[in-house]
Amino acid sequence: MLMADSRYVPRALDIAGLSRRKSLFLFGPRQTGKTALIHRALPSAKVYDLLDGDVFRTLSHRPARLGEELERGDRLVVVDEIQKLPELLDEVHRLIEQRSIHFVLTGSSARK
């Protein structure tokens, strides 16, 4: 029989609170609700879903397009399924450093 650990403290992942202060990665197994969590927790974030063929083709052809599409007021950006386009990470890094944009990057595996 499994005994409950009395030191366990249940917590909800505060994506909204964390993303106000810093950028973060959210990785986990496929089909576990990462995308749904992001959409619920960050309804006003600009989202780039790399499973969308048009988004993927645009950003894979020219990663700098990400920064060009963001408006000056955009402070929180989600890139869903970042593992599909690892070369986009350099552009994300540049935008974090130069424009103080916070990113939430999600992914499920190392596959492209």
N, C-alpha and C. Protein backbone atom coordinates (compact mmCIF):
# COMPACT_ATOMS: atom_id res chain seq x y z
N MET A 1 0.84 -1.18 0.00
CA MET A 1 0.00 0.00 0.00
C MET A 1 0.89 1.24 0.00
N LEU A 2 0.54 2.21 -0.83
CA LEU A 2 1.29 3.45 -0.93
C LEU A 2 0.84 4.41 0.16
N MET A 3 1.78 4.95 0.91
CA MET A 3 1.42 5.89 1.97
C MET A 3 1.58 7.31 1.46
N ALA A 4 0.70 8.17 1.88
CA ALA A 4 0.75 9.58 1.48
C ALA A 4 1.93 10.26 2.16
N ASP A 5 2.63 11.08 1.41
CA ASP A 5 3.74 11.85 1.96
C ASP A 5 3.18 13.12 2.56
N SER A 6 3.30 13.29 3.85
CA SER A 6 2.71 14.46 4.52
C SER A 6 3.43 15.76 4.15
N ARG A 7 4.58 15.67 3.50
CA ARG A 7 5.30 16.88 3.10
C ARG A 7 4.83 17.41 1.75
N TYR A 8 4.00 16.66 1.04
CA TYR A 8 3.53 17.07 -0.27
C TYR A 8 2.60 18.27 -0.15
N VAL A 9 2.89 19.30 -0.91
CA VAL A 9 2.04 20.49 -0.93
C VAL A 9 1.53 20.66 -2.36
N PRO A 10 0.23 20.45 -2.59
CA PRO A 10 -0.29 20.61 -3.96
C PRO A 10 -0.21 22.06 -4.41
N ARG A 11 0.21 22.26 -5.64
CA ARG A 11 0.32 23.61 -6.20
C ARG A 11 -0.13 23.59 -7.64
N ALA A 12 -0.68 24.68 -8.05
CA ALA A 12 -1.02 24.86 -9.46
C ALA A 12 0.15 25.58 -10.12
N LEU A 13 0.40 25.25 -11.35
CA LEU A 13 1.46 25.92 -12.10
C LEU A 13 0.97 27.31 -12.46
N ASP A 14 1.63 28.33 -11.93
CA ASP A 14 1.22 29.71 -12.15
C ASP A 14 1.95 30.28 -13.37
N ILE A 15 1.52 29.85 -14.55
CA ILE A 15 2.15 30.30 -15.80
C ILE A 15 2.02 31.81 -15.95
N ALA A 16 0.85 32.34 -15.66
CA ALA A 16 0.62 33.78 -15.83
C ALA A 16 1.56 34.58 -14.94
N GLY A 17 1.69 34.18 -13.69
CA GLY A 17 2.58 34.89 -12.77
C GLY A 17 4.04 34.78 -13.16
N LEU A 18 4.47 33.58 -13.51
CA LEU A 18 5.86 33.39 -13.91
C LEU A 18 6.20 34.17 -15.17
N SER A 19 5.31 34.16 -16.14
CA SER A 19 5.62 34.80 -17.43
C SER A 19 5.63 36.32 -17.34
N ARG A 20 5.06 36.89 -16.28
CA ARG A 20 5.16 38.35 -16.09
C ARG A 20 6.57 38.76 -15.69
N ARG A 21 7.30 37.83 -15.09
CA ARG A 21 8.64 38.15 -14.59
C ARG A 21 9.78 37.66 -15.47
N LYS A 22 9.54 36.61 -16.23
CA LYS A 22 10.63 36.01 -17.01
C LYS A 22 10.08 35.14 -18.12
N SER A 23 10.95 34.75 -19.02
CA SER A 23 10.59 33.80 -20.06
C SER A 23 10.74 32.39 -19.51
N LEU A 24 10.03 31.44 -20.11
CA LEU A 24 10.12 30.08 -19.60
C LEU A 24 9.83 29.05 -20.68
N PHE A 25 10.33 27.84 -20.43
CA PHE A 25 10.04 26.67 -21.26
C PHE A 25 9.02 25.82 -20.51
N LEU A 26 8.07 25.26 -21.24
CA LEU A 26 7.13 24.30 -20.68
C LEU A 26 7.20 23.06 -21.57
N PHE A 27 7.93 22.05 -21.08
CA PHE A 27 8.08 20.80 -21.83
C PHE A 27 7.35 19.69 -21.10
N GLY A 28 6.85 18.75 -21.87
CA GLY A 28 6.19 17.60 -21.29
C GLY A 28 5.76 16.64 -22.38
N PRO A 29 5.27 15.47 -21.98
CA PRO A 29 4.82 14.49 -22.96
C PRO A 29 3.71 15.04 -23.85
N ARG A 30 3.59 14.47 -25.03
CA ARG A 30 2.54 14.88 -25.97
C ARG A 30 1.16 14.59 -25.38
N GLN A 31 0.20 15.42 -25.78
CA GLN A 31 -1.20 15.22 -25.41
C GLN A 31 -1.45 15.26 -23.90
N THR A 32 -0.72 16.13 -23.19
CA THR A 32 -0.94 16.25 -21.74
C THR A 32 -1.57 17.57 -21.34
N GLY A 33 -1.91 18.41 -22.31
CA GLY A 33 -2.63 19.65 -22.00
C GLY A 33 -1.79 20.91 -21.93
N LYS A 34 -0.57 20.87 -22.42
CA LYS A 34 0.29 22.07 -22.37
C LYS A 34 -0.34 23.23 -23.14
N THR A 35 -0.80 22.97 -24.34
CA THR A 35 -1.39 24.03 -25.17
C THR A 35 -2.67 24.55 -24.54
N ALA A 36 -3.51 23.67 -24.05
CA ALA A 36 -4.76 24.10 -23.40
C ALA A 36 -4.45 24.94 -22.17
N LEU A 37 -3.46 24.55 -21.39
CA LEU A 37 -3.06 25.31 -20.21
C LEU A 37 -2.62 26.72 -20.60
N ILE A 38 -1.81 26.82 -21.64
CA ILE A 38 -1.31 28.12 -22.10
C ILE A 38 -2.48 29.01 -22.54
N HIS A 39 -3.39 28.46 -23.31
CA HIS A 39 -4.53 29.26 -23.80
C HIS A 39 -5.43 29.73 -22.65
N ARG A 40 -5.59 28.89 -21.62
CA ARG A 40 -6.40 29.28 -20.46
C ARG A 40 -5.68 30.30 -19.59
N ALA A 41 -4.39 30.08 -19.35
CA ALA A 41 -3.64 30.93 -18.43
C ALA A 41 -3.22 32.26 -19.04
N LEU A 42 -3.03 32.28 -20.37
CA LEU A 42 -2.49 33.47 -21.03
C LEU A 42 -3.37 33.88 -22.22
N PRO A 43 -4.63 34.22 -21.97
CA PRO A 43 -5.54 34.49 -23.09
C PRO A 43 -5.16 35.70 -23.94
N SER A 44 -4.39 36.63 -23.40
CA SER A 44 -4.04 37.83 -24.18
C SER A 44 -2.67 37.72 -24.86
N ALA A 45 -1.98 36.61 -24.67
CA ALA A 45 -0.66 36.44 -25.29
C ALA A 45 -0.79 36.25 -26.79
N LYS A 46 0.20 36.72 -27.51
CA LYS A 46 0.28 36.45 -28.95
C LYS A 46 0.86 35.04 -29.09
N VAL A 47 0.18 34.17 -29.85
CA VAL A 47 0.57 32.76 -29.94
C VAL A 47 0.99 32.42 -31.36
N TYR A 48 2.15 31.77 -31.47
CA TYR A 48 2.64 31.22 -32.73
C TYR A 48 2.66 29.71 -32.58
N ASP A 49 1.75 29.03 -33.27
CA ASP A 49 1.63 27.58 -33.19
C ASP A 49 2.38 26.97 -34.37
N LEU A 50 3.51 26.33 -34.10
CA LEU A 50 4.33 25.78 -35.17
C LEU A 50 3.74 24.51 -35.79
N LEU A 51 2.62 24.03 -35.27
CA LEU A 51 1.90 22.95 -35.96
C LEU A 51 1.05 23.51 -37.09
N ASP A 52 0.83 24.81 -37.11
CA ASP A 52 0.13 25.48 -38.21
C ASP A 52 1.12 25.60 -39.37
N GLY A 53 0.82 24.96 -40.48
CA GLY A 53 1.75 24.92 -41.62
C GLY A 53 2.18 26.28 -42.12
N ASP A 54 1.25 27.24 -42.19
CA ASP A 54 1.61 28.58 -42.66
C ASP A 54 2.58 29.27 -41.71
N VAL A 55 2.32 29.17 -40.42
CA VAL A 55 3.21 29.77 -39.42
C VAL A 55 4.58 29.12 -39.50
N PHE A 56 4.60 27.79 -39.56
CA PHE A 56 5.87 27.07 -39.63
C PHE A 56 6.67 27.47 -40.87
N ARG A 57 6.03 27.50 -42.03
CA ARG A 57 6.74 27.85 -43.27
C ARG A 57 7.29 29.28 -43.21
N THR A 58 6.49 30.21 -42.72
CA THR A 58 6.92 31.60 -42.64
C THR A 58 8.14 31.75 -41.75
N LEU A 59 8.09 31.18 -40.55
CA LEU A 59 9.19 31.35 -39.60
C LEU A 59 10.39 30.48 -39.94
N SER A 60 10.19 29.35 -40.58
CA SER A 60 11.34 28.52 -40.95
C SER A 60 12.09 29.15 -42.11
N HIS A 61 11.37 29.81 -42.99
CA HIS A 61 12.01 30.49 -44.12
C HIS A 61 12.84 31.69 -43.63
N ARG A 62 12.30 32.42 -42.65
CA ARG A 62 12.97 33.62 -42.16
C ARG A 62 12.62 33.84 -40.68
N PRO A 63 13.41 33.30 -39.75
CA PRO A 63 13.10 33.44 -38.33
C PRO A 63 12.97 34.89 -37.86
N ALA A 64 13.68 35.83 -38.49
CA ALA A 64 13.60 37.24 -38.09
C ALA A 64 12.20 37.80 -38.28
N ARG A 65 11.37 37.11 -39.03
CA ARG A 65 9.99 37.56 -39.25
C ARG A 65 9.22 37.62 -37.93
N LEU A 66 9.62 36.78 -36.98
CA LEU A 66 8.96 36.80 -35.67
C LEU A 66 9.05 38.19 -35.06
N GLY A 67 10.24 38.76 -35.01
CA GLY A 67 10.42 40.09 -34.45
C GLY A 67 9.74 41.17 -35.25
N GLU A 68 9.71 40.99 -36.57
CA GLU A 68 9.08 41.98 -37.44
C GLU A 68 7.56 42.02 -37.24
N GLU A 69 6.97 40.88 -36.93
CA GLU A 69 5.52 40.81 -36.76
C GLU A 69 5.05 41.32 -35.40
N LEU A 70 5.94 41.31 -34.43
CA LEU A 70 5.55 41.75 -33.09
C LEU A 70 5.47 43.26 -33.04
N GLU A 71 4.42 43.75 -32.41
CA GLU A 71 4.25 45.18 -32.26
C GLU A 71 4.94 45.63 -30.98
N ARG A 72 5.20 46.92 -30.89
CA ARG A 72 5.92 47.46 -29.72
C ARG A 72 5.24 47.13 -28.39
N GLY A 73 3.93 47.03 -28.39
CA GLY A 73 3.22 46.74 -27.15
C GLY A 73 3.20 45.28 -26.76
N ASP A 74 3.63 44.40 -27.64
CA ASP A 74 3.62 42.96 -27.35
C ASP A 74 4.70 42.65 -26.32
N ARG A 75 4.28 42.17 -25.15
CA ARG A 75 5.23 41.85 -24.09
C ARG A 75 5.24 40.38 -23.73
N LEU A 76 4.26 39.63 -24.22
CA LEU A 76 4.19 38.21 -23.91
C LEU A 76 3.84 37.44 -25.18
N VAL A 77 4.73 36.52 -25.54
CA VAL A 77 4.57 35.75 -26.78
C VAL A 77 4.74 34.27 -26.46
N VAL A 78 3.85 33.46 -27.01
CA VAL A 78 3.93 32.01 -26.86
C VAL A 78 4.36 31.42 -28.20
N VAL A 79 5.36 30.54 -28.16
CA VAL A 79 5.72 29.74 -29.33
C VAL A 79 5.44 28.29 -28.94
N ASP A 80 4.39 27.74 -29.53
CA ASP A 80 3.96 26.38 -29.21
C ASP A 80 4.64 25.39 -30.16
N GLU A 81 5.17 24.32 -29.59
CA GLU A 81 5.88 23.26 -30.34
C GLU A 81 7.23 23.74 -30.87
N ILE A 82 7.99 24.44 -30.03
CA ILE A 82 9.28 25.02 -30.41
C ILE A 82 10.26 23.96 -30.92
N GLN A 83 10.12 22.70 -30.52
CA GLN A 83 11.05 21.66 -30.96
C GLN A 83 11.01 21.47 -32.47
N LYS A 84 9.95 21.91 -33.12
CA LYS A 84 9.86 21.78 -34.58
C LYS A 84 10.77 22.76 -35.31
N LEU A 85 11.22 23.82 -34.63
CA LEU A 85 12.01 24.85 -35.30
C LEU A 85 13.07 25.41 -34.34
N PRO A 86 14.08 24.60 -34.00
CA PRO A 86 15.08 25.04 -33.02
C PRO A 86 15.86 26.28 -33.45
N GLU A 87 15.97 26.53 -34.76
CA GLU A 87 16.70 27.73 -35.20
C GLU A 87 15.96 29.02 -34.83
N LEU A 88 14.72 28.92 -34.42
CA LEU A 88 13.97 30.10 -33.98
C LEU A 88 14.45 30.59 -32.61
N LEU A 89 15.15 29.74 -31.88
CA LEU A 89 15.61 30.11 -30.54
C LEU A 89 16.57 31.30 -30.55
N ASP A 90 17.39 31.45 -31.58
CA ASP A 90 18.28 32.61 -31.65
C ASP A 90 17.48 33.91 -31.76
N GLU A 91 16.42 33.90 -32.54
CA GLU A 91 15.57 35.08 -32.67
C GLU A 91 14.83 35.37 -31.36
N VAL A 92 14.35 34.33 -30.70
CA VAL A 92 13.71 34.49 -29.40
C VAL A 92 14.69 35.12 -28.42
N HIS A 93 15.91 34.62 -28.38
CA HIS A 93 16.92 35.16 -27.48
C HIS A 93 17.18 36.64 -27.77
N ARG A 94 17.30 36.98 -29.05
CA ARG A 94 17.53 38.37 -29.43
C ARG A 94 16.39 39.27 -28.95
N LEU A 95 15.17 38.80 -29.12
CA LEU A 95 14.01 39.60 -28.71
C LEU A 95 13.91 39.75 -27.19
N ILE A 96 14.30 38.72 -26.47
CA ILE A 96 14.33 38.82 -25.01
C ILE A 96 15.34 39.89 -24.59
N GLU A 97 16.52 39.84 -25.17
CA GLU A 97 17.59 40.77 -24.80
C GLU A 97 17.34 42.20 -25.27
N GLN A 98 16.91 42.36 -26.51
CA GLN A 98 16.80 43.70 -27.08
C GLN A 98 15.47 44.38 -26.83
N ARG A 99 14.40 43.61 -26.71
CA ARG A 99 13.08 44.24 -26.59
C ARG A 99 12.33 43.86 -25.31
N SER A 100 13.01 43.13 -24.44
CA SER A 100 12.43 42.75 -23.14
C SER A 100 11.08 42.05 -23.27
N ILE A 101 10.94 41.26 -24.32
CA ILE A 101 9.72 40.48 -24.50
C ILE A 101 9.85 39.19 -23.69
N HIS A 102 8.78 38.78 -23.05
CA HIS A 102 8.76 37.52 -22.33
C HIS A 102 8.15 36.46 -23.23
N PHE A 103 8.80 35.31 -23.27
CA PHE A 103 8.34 34.19 -24.09
C PHE A 103 7.97 33.01 -23.22
N VAL A 104 6.93 32.30 -23.63
CA VAL A 104 6.62 30.99 -23.09
C VAL A 104 6.77 30.04 -24.27
N LEU A 105 7.72 29.14 -24.17
CA LEU A 105 8.02 28.19 -25.25
C LEU A 105 7.56 26.81 -24.80
N THR A 106 6.74 26.16 -25.61
CA THR A 106 6.28 24.83 -25.25
C THR A 106 6.84 23.80 -26.23
N GLY A 107 6.98 22.59 -25.75
CA GLY A 107 7.48 21.53 -26.61
C GLY A 107 7.24 20.18 -25.98
N SER A 108 7.31 19.15 -26.82
CA SER A 108 7.02 17.82 -26.32
C SER A 108 8.16 16.83 -26.49
N SER A 109 9.11 17.12 -27.38
CA SER A 109 10.20 16.18 -27.59
C SER A 109 11.31 16.87 -28.36
N ALA A 110 12.38 16.14 -28.60
CA ALA A 110 13.50 16.71 -29.35
C ALA A 110 13.31 16.56 -30.85
N ARG A 111 12.25 15.91 -31.28
CA ARG A 111 12.05 15.71 -32.72
C ARG A 111 11.74 17.03 -33.41
N LYS A 112 11.99 17.06 -34.72
CA LYS A 112 11.72 18.29 -35.47
C LYS A 112 10.44 18.22 -36.21
